[in-house]
Amino acid sequence: MIHSITGSTSRRGARVRARGWAGTTTTAALAVLAMTAATAGCKAQPADSASAAPSSPPRAPATDDAKPPAAQSPRPNASSSSPKATATPTPKPDPQGTTLMASGSEGKQVRELQARLRQIGHFDRSPTGYYGTVTVAAVRSFQGKRGLSRTGRTDTVTWQKLLGMTHAPTAAELNPPTSLPVTKPDKRCLTGRVLCISKNSRTLSWMIDGRIISSMDVRFGSQYTPTREGTFSVYWKSRHHVSTIYHTAMPYAMFFSGGQAVHYSADFAARGYSGASHGCVNVRDEGKIASLFAQVRTGDKVVVYG
C-alpha cells in the first residue's frame, strides 16, 4: 500500500512538472514572437480594420487661389449601368458671319478698322490698335446705321460693308502724329510761319503758309494758371532753360508771352493729361519738340485759340 501511494504521488508530481515545463515553453515562445513583431515595426490592428473604409474621403489640398478642388466622387461599380449619352444641339450659324475682331483684340487689323471707322465719322480719335470700349461703341454705331445686329463685334458681314464704304487708310491715317485729331486751323494760322495751338484739340501744328509741317500733343495751364490766348510771337529761345520761379527744367523753351513758353515737359510725358502746366504749352514728345526748336526762329508767330 505504501508503495502504491508513493508511486501514485510520483506520477502526479511528474504530470505537474510536465505541465510546468509546457507552460514555460509556451510563455517563452510567445515572448519570442512579441520580440520579433516589435523589431519589425508592426502595429497591432483589429482584425476587421483592413476591410473598414473611412467614413468620408480625405479633403484635397487647396489650390493656388485658396479654393480647394471639388471632391472626387467614388467610381461606380462595374456592374452599374452607365448614363445614357445625350445629343449635343447643333449651334445656329451667326447670321452676320464669323467674328474677326472683338473686345480685347489688338494688332494691325484693329488699327485699320479704327482708321476706316474714323473716315466715316464713327471713331473720333486716332487709331490705337487696341479693341476697347470706344471701338466697341463705334462698331455698334456703324452696325446700327447699316441695319445689322448691334453686337459691337466685327464679323465678316460688318467688315465687308465697312470695306465697301471706305478707302485703304494711308500711313498718316493709321499712325497720325497726335493722339487726338488736329482741328481745322484758325484763320490767323494760314499765312507766314506760325505755331498754331488749339486748346480744343490739345494740339500744336507747325505751319508755313497754310501748310502743316508737323503736329504734336500739348497740354496747358490749370484754371488757376491758365495759358493766355491770342496772337503772339517768339521773342526768346532757351535750349536748356530752368524756371526761376518753380525751379523745374524747361528744355527747348520758346517764350511767347511773359514767362509762358512752348517747351518739353518730362511730367507730361510721364503723367499725360492728369497734370497741368503753370501756364506754359507743354509738349510730351521730346523728338518732335527738338526738331521744332531747330526750325522756329525768333519773331515767328504764335496763335493760341480755344
C-alpha atoms as a PDB file:
ATOM      1  CA  MET A   1       0.000   0.000   0.000  1.00  0.00           C
ATOM      2  CA  ILE A   2       2.793   2.322   0.849  1.00  0.00           C
ATOM      3  CA  HIS A   3       4.357   1.540  -2.483  1.00  0.00           C
ATOM      4  CA  SER A   4       1.133   2.289  -4.300  1.00  0.00           C
ATOM      5  CA  ILE A   5       0.723   5.659  -2.623  1.00  0.00           C
ATOM      6  CA  THR A   6       4.319   6.536  -3.268  1.00  0.00           C
ATOM      7  CA  GLY A   7       4.023   5.549  -6.933  1.00  0.00           C
ATOM      8  CA  SER A   8       0.837   7.496  -7.379  1.00  0.00           C
ATOM      9  CA  THR A   9       2.411  10.541  -5.803  1.00  0.00           C
ATOM     10  CA  SER A  10       5.384  10.267  -8.086  1.00  0.00           C
ATOM     11  CA  ARG A  11       3.207  10.051 -11.139  1.00  0.00           C
ATOM     12  CA  ARG A  12       1.213  13.166 -10.122  1.00  0.00           C
ATOM     13  CA  GLY A  13       4.395  15.087  -9.499  1.00  0.00           C
ATOM     14  CA  ALA A  14       5.681  14.144 -12.918  1.00  0.00           C
ATOM     15  CA  ARG A  15       2.489  15.369 -14.551  1.00  0.00           C
ATOM     16  CA  VAL A  16       2.691  18.663 -12.657  1.00  0.00           C
ATOM     17  CA  ARG A  17       6.311  19.129 -13.672  1.00  0.00           C
ATOM     18  CA  ALA A  18       5.386  18.367 -17.292  1.00  0.00           C
ATOM     19  CA  ARG A  19       2.641  20.960 -17.261  1.00  0.00           C
ATOM     20  CA  GLY A  20       5.076  23.470 -15.749  1.00  0.00           C
ATOM     21  CA  TRP A  21       7.589  22.809 -18.482  1.00  0.00           C
ATOM     22  CA  ALA A  22       4.915  23.102 -21.141  1.00  0.00           C
ATOM     23  CA  GLY A  23       3.709  26.410 -19.686  1.00  0.00           C
ATOM     24  CA  THR A  24       7.237  27.702 -19.523  1.00  0.00           C
ATOM     25  CA  THR A  25       7.822  26.664 -23.117  1.00  0.00           C
ATOM     26  CA  THR A  26       4.603  28.349 -24.313  1.00  0.00           C
ATOM     27  CA  THR A  27       5.408  31.559 -22.457  1.00  0.00           C
ATOM     28  CA  ALA A  28       8.883  31.664 -23.959  1.00  0.00           C
ATOM     29  CA  ALA A  29       7.511  31.135 -27.459  1.00  0.00           C
ATOM     30  CA  LEU A  30       5.037  33.987 -27.065  1.00  0.00           C
ATOM     31  CA  ALA A  31       7.830  36.252 -25.796  1.00  0.00           C
ATOM     32  CA  VAL A  32       9.942  35.459 -28.858  1.00  0.00           C
ATOM     33  CA  LEU A  33       7.019  36.248 -31.208  1.00  0.00           C
ATOM     34  CA  ALA A  34       6.340  39.548 -29.431  1.00  0.00           C
ATOM     35  CA  MET A  35      10.016  40.497 -29.670  1.00  0.00           C
ATOM     36  CA  THR A  36      10.032  39.685 -33.407  1.00  0.00           C
ATOM     37  CA  ALA A  37       6.933  41.796 -34.035  1.00  0.00           C
ATOM     38  CA  ALA A  38       8.380  44.744 -32.125  1.00  0.00           C
ATOM     39  CA  THR A  39      11.653  44.804 -34.039  1.00  0.00           C
ATOM     40  CA  ALA A  40       9.786  44.547 -37.388  1.00  0.00           C
ATOM     41  CA  GLY A  41       7.838  47.743 -36.635  1.00  0.00           C
ATOM     42  CA  CYS A  42       4.428  46.170 -36.927  1.00  0.00           C
ATOM     43  CA  LYS A  43       1.412  47.577 -35.202  1.00  0.00           C
ATOM     44  CA  ALA A  44      -1.395  45.508 -33.902  1.00  0.00           C
ATOM     45  CA  GLN A  45      -4.744  46.273 -35.525  1.00  0.00           C
ATOM     46  CA  PRO A  46      -8.246  44.967 -35.024  1.00  0.00           C
ATOM     47  CA  ALA A  47      -8.991  42.040 -37.236  1.00  0.00           C
ATOM     48  CA  ASP A  48     -11.579  43.960 -39.263  1.00  0.00           C
ATOM     49  CA  SER A  49      -9.511  47.148 -39.653  1.00  0.00           C
ATOM     50  CA  ALA A  50      -8.139  46.179 -43.071  1.00  0.00           C
ATOM     51  CA  SER A  51     -11.578  45.973 -44.593  1.00  0.00           C
ATOM     52  CA  ALA A  52     -13.003  49.067 -42.891  1.00  0.00           C
ATOM     53  CA  ALA A  53     -13.416  52.146 -45.137  1.00  0.00           C
ATOM     54  CA  PRO A  54     -13.103  55.757 -43.899  1.00  0.00           C
ATOM     55  CA  SER A  55     -16.391  57.462 -43.204  1.00  0.00           C
ATOM     56  CA  SER A  56     -15.607  60.313 -45.696  1.00  0.00           C
ATOM     57  CA  PRO A  57     -12.952  60.889 -48.367  1.00  0.00           C
ATOM     58  CA  PRO A  58      -9.898  62.962 -47.312  1.00  0.00           C
ATOM     59  CA  ARG A  59     -10.094  66.681 -48.178  1.00  0.00           C
ATOM     60  CA  ALA A  60      -7.976  67.685 -51.151  1.00  0.00           C
ATOM     61  CA  PRO A  61      -5.284  70.355 -50.626  1.00  0.00           C
ATOM     62  CA  ALA A  62      -6.117  73.953 -51.541  1.00  0.00           C
ATOM     63  CA  THR A  63      -5.120  75.279 -54.951  1.00  0.00           C
ATOM     64  CA  ASP A  64      -3.185  78.495 -55.647  1.00  0.00           C
ATOM     65  CA  ASP A  65      -6.309  80.629 -55.376  1.00  0.00           C
ATOM     66  CA  ALA A  66      -7.163  79.161 -51.980  1.00  0.00           C
ATOM     67  CA  LYS A  67     -10.148  77.318 -53.365  1.00  0.00           C
ATOM     68  CA  PRO A  68      -9.952  73.528 -52.926  1.00  0.00           C
ATOM     69  CA  PRO A  69     -10.855  71.423 -55.944  1.00  0.00           C
ATOM     70  CA  ALA A  70     -14.144  69.571 -55.958  1.00  0.00           C
ATOM     71  CA  ALA A  71     -14.061  66.233 -54.112  1.00  0.00           C
ATOM     72  CA  GLN A  72     -13.863  63.249 -56.438  1.00  0.00           C
ATOM     73  CA  SER A  73     -16.912  61.052 -56.421  1.00  0.00           C
ATOM     74  CA  PRO A  74     -16.330  57.305 -55.940  1.00  0.00           C
ATOM     75  CA  ARG A  75     -16.054  55.204 -59.054  1.00  0.00           C
ATOM     76  CA  PRO A  76     -19.222  53.341 -59.948  1.00  0.00           C
ATOM     77  CA  ASN A  77     -19.163  49.581 -59.759  1.00  0.00           C
ATOM     78  CA  ALA A  78     -18.551  47.736 -62.967  1.00  0.00           C
ATOM     79  CA  SER A  79     -21.992  46.278 -62.668  1.00  0.00           C
ATOM     80  CA  SER A  80     -23.703  49.684 -62.505  1.00  0.00           C
ATOM     81  CA  SER A  81     -25.221  50.939 -65.708  1.00  0.00           C
ATOM     82  CA  SER A  82     -23.567  53.942 -67.442  1.00  0.00           C
ATOM     83  CA  PRO A  83     -25.733  57.050 -68.086  1.00  0.00           C
ATOM     84  CA  LYS A  84     -27.256  57.407 -71.490  1.00  0.00           C
ATOM     85  CA  ALA A  85     -25.460  59.798 -73.843  1.00  0.00           C
ATOM     86  CA  THR A  86     -27.395  62.953 -74.670  1.00  0.00           C
ATOM     87  CA  ALA A  87     -27.226  64.563 -78.065  1.00  0.00           C
ATOM     88  CA  THR A  88     -25.439  67.974 -78.212  1.00  0.00           C
ATOM     89  CA  PRO A  89     -27.576  70.544 -80.011  1.00  0.00           C
ATOM     90  CA  THR A  90     -26.013  71.951 -83.177  1.00  0.00           C
ATOM     91  CA  PRO A  91     -25.289  75.699 -82.722  1.00  0.00           C
ATOM     92  CA  LYS A  92     -27.119  78.004 -85.066  1.00  0.00           C
ATOM     93  CA  PRO A  93     -24.881  79.836 -87.548  1.00  0.00           C
ATOM     94  CA  ASP A  94     -24.278  83.546 -86.902  1.00  0.00           C
ATOM     95  CA  PRO A  95     -26.371  85.487 -89.462  1.00  0.00           C
ATOM     96  CA  GLN A  96     -23.590  88.080 -89.628  1.00  0.00           C
ATOM     97  CA  GLY A  97     -20.841  85.567 -90.304  1.00  0.00           C
ATOM     98  CA  THR A  98     -17.655  84.710 -88.438  1.00  0.00           C
ATOM     99  CA  THR A  99     -16.296  87.103 -85.830  1.00  0.00           C
ATOM    100  CA  LEU A 100     -12.984  88.595 -86.969  1.00  0.00           C
ATOM    101  CA  MET A 101     -12.284  91.045 -84.131  1.00  0.00           C
ATOM    102  CA  ALA A 102     -13.874  91.743 -80.756  1.00  0.00           C
ATOM    103  CA  SER A 103     -13.184  93.368 -77.399  1.00  0.00           C
ATOM    104  CA  GLY A 104      -9.619  92.617 -76.356  1.00  0.00           C
ATOM    105  CA  SER A 105      -8.276  92.102 -79.892  1.00  0.00           C
ATOM    106  CA  GLU A 106      -5.223  94.076 -80.937  1.00  0.00           C
ATOM    107  CA  GLY A 107      -2.931  94.487 -83.902  1.00  0.00           C
ATOM    108  CA  LYS A 108      -2.724  95.957 -87.391  1.00  0.00           C
ATOM    109  CA  GLN A 109      -6.218  94.909 -88.449  1.00  0.00           C
ATOM    110  CA  VAL A 110      -7.734  96.646 -85.409  1.00  0.00           C
ATOM    111  CA  ARG A 111      -5.802  99.797 -86.305  1.00  0.00           C
ATOM    112  CA  GLU A 112      -7.156  99.586 -89.866  1.00  0.00           C
ATOM    113  CA  LEU A 113     -10.697  99.062 -88.527  1.00  0.00           C
ATOM    114  CA  GLN A 114     -10.399 102.185 -86.380  1.00  0.00           C
ATOM    115  CA  ALA A 115      -8.953 104.247 -89.250  1.00  0.00           C
ATOM    116  CA  ARG A 116     -11.787 103.206 -91.578  1.00  0.00           C
ATOM    117  CA  LEU A 117     -14.431 103.932 -88.925  1.00  0.00           C
ATOM    118  CA  ARG A 118     -12.839 107.341 -88.421  1.00  0.00           C
ATOM    119  CA  GLN A 119     -13.112 108.089 -92.150  1.00  0.00           C
ATOM    120  CA  ILE A 120     -16.910 107.909 -91.951  1.00  0.00           C
ATOM    121  CA  GLY A 121     -17.321 109.572 -88.544  1.00  0.00           C
ATOM    122  CA  HIS A 122     -17.812 106.613 -86.200  1.00  0.00           C
ATOM    123  CA  PHE A 123     -14.434 106.774 -84.431  1.00  0.00           C
ATOM    124  CA  ASP A 124     -13.435 110.183 -83.043  1.00  0.00           C
ATOM    125  CA  ARG A 125      -9.792 109.661 -82.138  1.00  0.00           C
ATOM    126  CA  SER A 126      -6.510 108.379 -83.509  1.00  0.00           C
ATOM    127  CA  PRO A 127      -6.203 104.614 -84.094  1.00  0.00           C
ATOM    128  CA  THR A 128      -4.572 102.759 -81.217  1.00  0.00           C
ATOM    129  CA  GLY A 129      -4.570  99.167 -82.466  1.00  0.00           C
ATOM    130  CA  TYR A 130      -6.476  98.009 -79.368  1.00  0.00           C
ATOM    131  CA  TYR A 131     -10.150  96.942 -79.457  1.00  0.00           C
ATOM    132  CA  GLY A 132     -11.510  98.605 -76.316  1.00  0.00           C
ATOM    133  CA  THR A 133     -14.830 100.065 -75.211  1.00  0.00           C
ATOM    134  CA  VAL A 134     -14.571 103.040 -77.586  1.00  0.00           C
ATOM    135  CA  THR A 135     -14.082 100.710 -80.567  1.00  0.00           C
ATOM    136  CA  VAL A 136     -16.974  98.501 -79.430  1.00  0.00           C
ATOM    137  CA  ALA A 137     -19.228 101.590 -79.292  1.00  0.00           C
ATOM    138  CA  ALA A 138     -18.001 102.731 -82.729  1.00  0.00           C
ATOM    139  CA  VAL A 139     -18.720  99.334 -84.296  1.00  0.00           C
ATOM    140  CA  ARG A 140     -22.182  99.261 -82.709  1.00  0.00           C
ATOM    141  CA  SER A 141     -22.873 102.704 -84.120  1.00  0.00           C
ATOM    142  CA  PHE A 142     -21.814 101.595 -87.592  1.00  0.00           C
ATOM    143  CA  GLN A 143     -23.844  98.374 -87.372  1.00  0.00           C
ATOM    144  CA  GLY A 144     -26.942 100.260 -86.261  1.00  0.00           C
ATOM    145  CA  LYS A 145     -26.678 102.631 -89.226  1.00  0.00           C
ATOM    146  CA  ARG A 146     -26.409  99.697 -91.639  1.00  0.00           C
ATOM    147  CA  GLY A 147     -29.290  97.652 -90.190  1.00  0.00           C
ATOM    148  CA  LEU A 148     -27.036  94.992 -88.672  1.00  0.00           C
ATOM    149  CA  SER A 149     -27.232  93.469 -85.205  1.00  0.00           C
ATOM    150  CA  ARG A 150     -25.505  95.875 -82.821  1.00  0.00           C
ATOM    151  CA  THR A 151     -23.116  93.319 -81.330  1.00  0.00           C
ATOM    152  CA  GLY A 152     -20.032  95.527 -81.167  1.00  0.00           C
ATOM    153  CA  ARG A 153     -18.030  92.665 -82.679  1.00  0.00           C
ATOM    154  CA  THR A 154     -16.538  92.970 -86.147  1.00  0.00           C
ATOM    155  CA  ASP A 155     -17.790  89.987 -88.108  1.00  0.00           C
ATOM    156  CA  THR A 156     -17.331  89.190 -91.787  1.00  0.00           C
ATOM    157  CA  VAL A 157     -20.540  90.951 -92.872  1.00  0.00           C
ATOM    158  CA  THR A 158     -19.730  94.120 -90.894  1.00  0.00           C
ATOM    159  CA  TRP A 159     -16.159  94.132 -92.191  1.00  0.00           C
ATOM    160  CA  GLN A 160     -17.202  93.733 -95.833  1.00  0.00           C
ATOM    161  CA  LYS A 161     -19.715  96.584 -95.542  1.00  0.00           C
ATOM    162  CA  LEU A 162     -17.061  98.804 -93.988  1.00  0.00           C
ATOM    163  CA  LEU A 163     -14.546  97.955 -96.712  1.00  0.00           C
ATOM    164  CA  GLY A 164     -17.078  98.880 -99.368  1.00  0.00           C
ATOM    165  CA  MET A 165     -17.680 102.318 -97.846  1.00  0.00           C
ATOM    166  CA  THR A 166     -14.079 103.369 -97.113  1.00  0.00           C
ATOM    167  CA  HIS A 167     -10.674 103.539 -98.773  1.00  0.00           C
ATOM    168  CA  ALA A 168      -7.466 101.864 -97.694  1.00  0.00           C
ATOM    169  CA  PRO A 169      -6.058 104.032 -94.877  1.00  0.00           C
ATOM    170  CA  THR A 170      -2.911 105.988 -95.608  1.00  0.00           C
ATOM    171  CA  ALA A 171       0.152 105.791 -93.354  1.00  0.00           C
ATOM    172  CA  ALA A 172      -0.825 109.117 -91.770  1.00  0.00           C
ATOM    173  CA  GLU A 173      -4.355 107.828 -91.086  1.00  0.00           C
ATOM    174  CA  LEU A 174      -3.043 104.649 -89.480  1.00  0.00           C
ATOM    175  CA  ASN A 175      -0.397 106.422 -87.400  1.00  0.00           C
ATOM    176  CA  PRO A 176      -1.386 110.097 -87.067  1.00  0.00           C
ATOM    177  CA  PRO A 177       1.089 112.488 -85.441  1.00  0.00           C
ATOM    178  CA  THR A 178      -1.178 113.281 -82.477  1.00  0.00           C
ATOM    179  CA  SER A 179      -3.379 111.186 -80.220  1.00  0.00           C
ATOM    180  CA  LEU A 180      -6.365 113.452 -80.968  1.00  0.00           C
ATOM    181  CA  PRO A 181      -7.459 114.734 -84.381  1.00  0.00           C
ATOM    182  CA  VAL A 182      -6.000 118.070 -85.414  1.00  0.00           C
ATOM    183  CA  THR A 183      -8.831 120.569 -85.894  1.00  0.00           C
ATOM    184  CA  LYS A 184      -9.164 122.972 -88.768  1.00  0.00           C
ATOM    185  CA  PRO A 185      -6.535 125.698 -88.237  1.00  0.00           C
ATOM    186  CA  ASP A 186      -7.570 129.145 -87.101  1.00  0.00           C
ATOM    187  CA  LYS A 187      -7.561 131.635 -89.982  1.00  0.00           C
ATOM    188  CA  ARG A 188      -4.719 133.521 -88.287  1.00  0.00           C
ATOM    189  CA  CYS A 189      -2.535 130.455 -88.862  1.00  0.00           C
ATOM    190  CA  LEU A 190      -2.897 130.399 -92.655  1.00  0.00           C
ATOM    191  CA  THR A 191      -0.168 132.896 -93.520  1.00  0.00           C
ATOM    192  CA  GLY A 192       3.504 133.009 -92.613  1.00  0.00           C
ATOM    193  CA  ARG A 193       5.441 130.874 -90.146  1.00  0.00           C
ATOM    194  CA  VAL A 194       3.107 130.018 -87.265  1.00  0.00           C
ATOM    195  CA  LEU A 195       2.941 127.880 -84.143  1.00  0.00           C
ATOM    196  CA  CYS A 196      -0.814 127.169 -84.367  1.00  0.00           C
ATOM    197  CA  ILE A 197      -2.000 125.958 -80.937  1.00  0.00           C
ATOM    198  CA  SER A 198      -5.566 124.685 -80.367  1.00  0.00           C
ATOM    199  CA  LYS A 199      -6.878 124.269 -76.834  1.00  0.00           C
ATOM    200  CA  ASN A 200      -9.902 122.333 -78.049  1.00  0.00           C
ATOM    201  CA  SER A 201      -7.952 119.586 -79.814  1.00  0.00           C
ATOM    202  CA  ARG A 202      -4.934 119.959 -77.476  1.00  0.00           C
ATOM    203  CA  THR A 203      -2.575 120.011 -80.449  1.00  0.00           C
ATOM    204  CA  LEU A 204       0.179 122.213 -81.801  1.00  0.00           C
ATOM    205  CA  SER A 205       0.710 122.437 -85.562  1.00  0.00           C
ATOM    206  CA  TRP A 206       3.835 123.989 -87.036  1.00  0.00           C
ATOM    207  CA  MET A 207       2.596 125.682 -90.225  1.00  0.00           C
ATOM    208  CA  ILE A 208       4.250 127.574 -93.057  1.00  0.00           C
ATOM    209  CA  ASP A 209       1.987 129.482 -95.455  1.00  0.00           C
ATOM    210  CA  GLY A 210      -1.067 127.397 -94.539  1.00  0.00           C
ATOM    211  CA  ARG A 211       0.694 124.005 -94.823  1.00  0.00           C
ATOM    212  CA  ILE A 212       1.081 121.786 -91.764  1.00  0.00           C
ATOM    213  CA  ILE A 213       4.715 120.707 -91.388  1.00  0.00           C
ATOM    214  CA  SER A 214       4.330 118.764 -88.141  1.00  0.00           C
ATOM    215  CA  SER A 215       1.849 118.309 -85.296  1.00  0.00           C
ATOM    216  CA  MET A 216       2.164 117.201 -81.693  1.00  0.00           C
ATOM    217  CA  ASP A 217       0.152 116.735 -78.478  1.00  0.00           C
ATOM    218  CA  VAL A 218       0.211 119.595 -75.966  1.00  0.00           C
ATOM    219  CA  ARG A 219      -1.324 120.449 -72.594  1.00  0.00           C
ATOM    220  CA  PHE A 220      -1.979 123.782 -70.944  1.00  0.00           C
ATOM    221  CA  GLY A 221      -2.170 125.554 -67.599  1.00  0.00           C
ATOM    222  CA  SER A 222      -4.816 124.826 -64.983  1.00  0.00           C
ATOM    223  CA  GLN A 223      -7.756 127.103 -64.178  1.00  0.00           C
ATOM    224  CA  TYR A 224      -5.558 128.878 -61.616  1.00  0.00           C
ATOM    225  CA  THR A 225      -2.654 129.396 -64.031  1.00  0.00           C
ATOM    226  CA  PRO A 226      -4.311 129.488 -67.475  1.00  0.00           C
ATOM    227  CA  THR A 227      -2.443 129.687 -70.754  1.00  0.00           C
ATOM    228  CA  ARG A 228      -3.139 133.037 -72.364  1.00  0.00           C
ATOM    229  CA  GLU A 229      -4.974 133.104 -75.698  1.00  0.00           C
ATOM    230  CA  GLY A 230      -4.243 135.446 -78.583  1.00  0.00           C
ATOM    231  CA  THR A 231      -1.628 136.224 -81.228  1.00  0.00           C
ATOM    232  CA  PHE A 232       1.972 136.482 -80.062  1.00  0.00           C
ATOM    233  CA  SER A 233       5.474 135.990 -81.392  1.00  0.00           C
ATOM    234  CA  VAL A 234       8.517 134.036 -80.223  1.00  0.00           C
ATOM    235  CA  TYR A 235      10.756 136.577 -78.501  1.00  0.00           C
ATOM    236  CA  TRP A 236      13.341 134.251 -76.907  1.00  0.00           C
ATOM    237  CA  LYS A 237      14.607 130.677 -77.294  1.00  0.00           C
ATOM    238  CA  SER A 238      16.413 128.826 -74.495  1.00  0.00           C
ATOM    239  CA  ARG A 239      17.577 125.256 -75.158  1.00  0.00           C
ATOM    240  CA  HIS A 240      18.404 124.269 -71.550  1.00  0.00           C
ATOM    241  CA  HIS A 241      16.105 126.600 -69.660  1.00  0.00           C
ATOM    242  CA  VAL A 242      15.243 126.144 -65.957  1.00  0.00           C
ATOM    243  CA  SER A 243      12.327 128.017 -64.403  1.00  0.00           C
ATOM    244  CA  THR A 244      13.494 130.706 -61.950  1.00  0.00           C
ATOM    245  CA  ILE A 245      10.075 130.573 -60.214  1.00  0.00           C
ATOM    246  CA  TYR A 246       9.383 126.829 -59.967  1.00  0.00           C
ATOM    247  CA  HIS A 247      12.979 125.589 -60.415  1.00  0.00           C
ATOM    248  CA  THR A 248      11.924 122.951 -62.940  1.00  0.00           C
ATOM    249  CA  ALA A 249      13.543 122.109 -66.257  1.00  0.00           C
ATOM    250  CA  MET A 250      12.001 123.632 -69.409  1.00  0.00           C
ATOM    251  CA  PRO A 251      14.052 122.156 -72.291  1.00  0.00           C
ATOM    252  CA  TYR A 252      13.605 123.607 -75.792  1.00  0.00           C
ATOM    253  CA  ALA A 253      11.768 126.648 -74.397  1.00  0.00           C
ATOM    254  CA  MET A 254      10.324 129.135 -76.909  1.00  0.00           C
ATOM    255  CA  PHE A 255       8.887 132.107 -74.991  1.00  0.00           C
ATOM    256  CA  PHE A 256       5.927 133.964 -76.495  1.00  0.00           C
ATOM    257  CA  SER A 257       4.090 135.801 -73.652  1.00  0.00           C
ATOM    258  CA  GLY A 258       5.903 136.898 -70.489  1.00  0.00           C
ATOM    259  CA  GLY A 259       7.035 133.737 -68.711  1.00  0.00           C
ATOM    260  CA  GLN A 260       4.844 131.458 -70.850  1.00  0.00           C
ATOM    261  CA  ALA A 261       6.617 129.298 -73.408  1.00  0.00           C
ATOM    262  CA  VAL A 262       6.286 126.231 -75.563  1.00  0.00           C
ATOM    263  CA  HIS A 263       8.668 123.592 -74.135  1.00  0.00           C
ATOM    264  CA  TYR A 264       9.235 119.891 -73.495  1.00  0.00           C
ATOM    265  CA  SER A 265       7.752 118.504 -70.263  1.00  0.00           C
ATOM    266  CA  ALA A 266       9.002 115.265 -68.718  1.00  0.00           C
ATOM    267  CA  ASP A 267       5.978 115.369 -66.386  1.00  0.00           C
ATOM    268  CA  PHE A 268       3.610 115.496 -69.371  1.00  0.00           C
ATOM    269  CA  ALA A 269       5.461 112.567 -70.934  1.00  0.00           C
ATOM    270  CA  ALA A 270       5.066 110.548 -67.716  1.00  0.00           C
ATOM    271  CA  ARG A 271       1.591 111.562 -66.461  1.00  0.00           C
ATOM    272  CA  GLY A 272      -0.222 112.685 -69.589  1.00  0.00           C
ATOM    273  CA  TYR A 273      -3.295 114.864 -69.159  1.00  0.00           C
ATOM    274  CA  SER A 274      -3.718 114.021 -65.478  1.00  0.00           C
ATOM    275  CA  GLY A 275      -1.468 117.024 -64.761  1.00  0.00           C
ATOM    276  CA  ALA A 276      -1.225 120.613 -65.986  1.00  0.00           C
ATOM    277  CA  SER A 277       1.376 123.317 -66.534  1.00  0.00           C
ATOM    278  CA  HIS A 278       1.756 126.668 -64.790  1.00  0.00           C
ATOM    279  CA  GLY A 279       0.599 128.413 -67.973  1.00  0.00           C
ATOM    280  CA  CYS A 280       3.135 127.133 -70.487  1.00  0.00           C
ATOM    281  CA  VAL A 281       2.345 124.965 -73.506  1.00  0.00           C
ATOM    282  CA  ASN A 282       3.815 121.536 -72.646  1.00  0.00           C
ATOM    283  CA  VAL A 283       4.932 119.080 -75.338  1.00  0.00           C
ATOM    284  CA  ARG A 284       5.438 115.410 -74.411  1.00  0.00           C
ATOM    285  CA  ASP A 285       7.294 114.162 -77.498  1.00  0.00           C
ATOM    286  CA  GLU A 286      10.916 115.208 -76.994  1.00  0.00           C
ATOM    287  CA  GLY A 287      11.957 114.252 -80.520  1.00  0.00           C
ATOM    288  CA  LYS A 288       9.269 116.447 -82.073  1.00  0.00           C
ATOM    289  CA  ILE A 289       9.922 119.468 -79.870  1.00  0.00           C
ATOM    290  CA  ALA A 290      13.665 119.163 -80.556  1.00  0.00           C
ATOM    291  CA  SER A 291      13.005 119.245 -84.299  1.00  0.00           C
ATOM    292  CA  LEU A 292      10.565 122.141 -83.897  1.00  0.00           C
ATOM    293  CA  PHE A 293      13.049 124.106 -81.776  1.00  0.00           C
ATOM    294  CA  ALA A 294      15.618 123.801 -84.564  1.00  0.00           C
ATOM    295  CA  GLN A 295      13.178 125.170 -87.172  1.00  0.00           C
ATOM    296  CA  VAL A 296      11.451 128.005 -85.292  1.00  0.00           C
ATOM    297  CA  ARG A 297      13.046 131.440 -85.422  1.00  0.00           C
ATOM    298  CA  THR A 298      12.767 134.416 -83.110  1.00  0.00           C
ATOM    299  CA  GLY A 299       9.880 136.523 -84.419  1.00  0.00           C
ATOM    300  CA  ASP A 300       7.778 133.609 -85.718  1.00  0.00           C
ATOM    301  CA  LYS A 301       4.071 133.970 -84.955  1.00  0.00           C
ATOM    302  CA  VAL A 302       2.287 132.071 -82.177  1.00  0.00           C
ATOM    303  CA  VAL A 303      -1.518 131.720 -82.214  1.00  0.00           C
ATOM    304  CA  VAL A 304      -3.256 130.232 -79.173  1.00  0.00           C
ATOM    305  CA  TYR A 305      -7.012 129.784 -79.521  1.00  0.00           C
ATOM    306  CA  GLY A 306      -9.854 127.892 -77.845  1.00  0.00           C
END
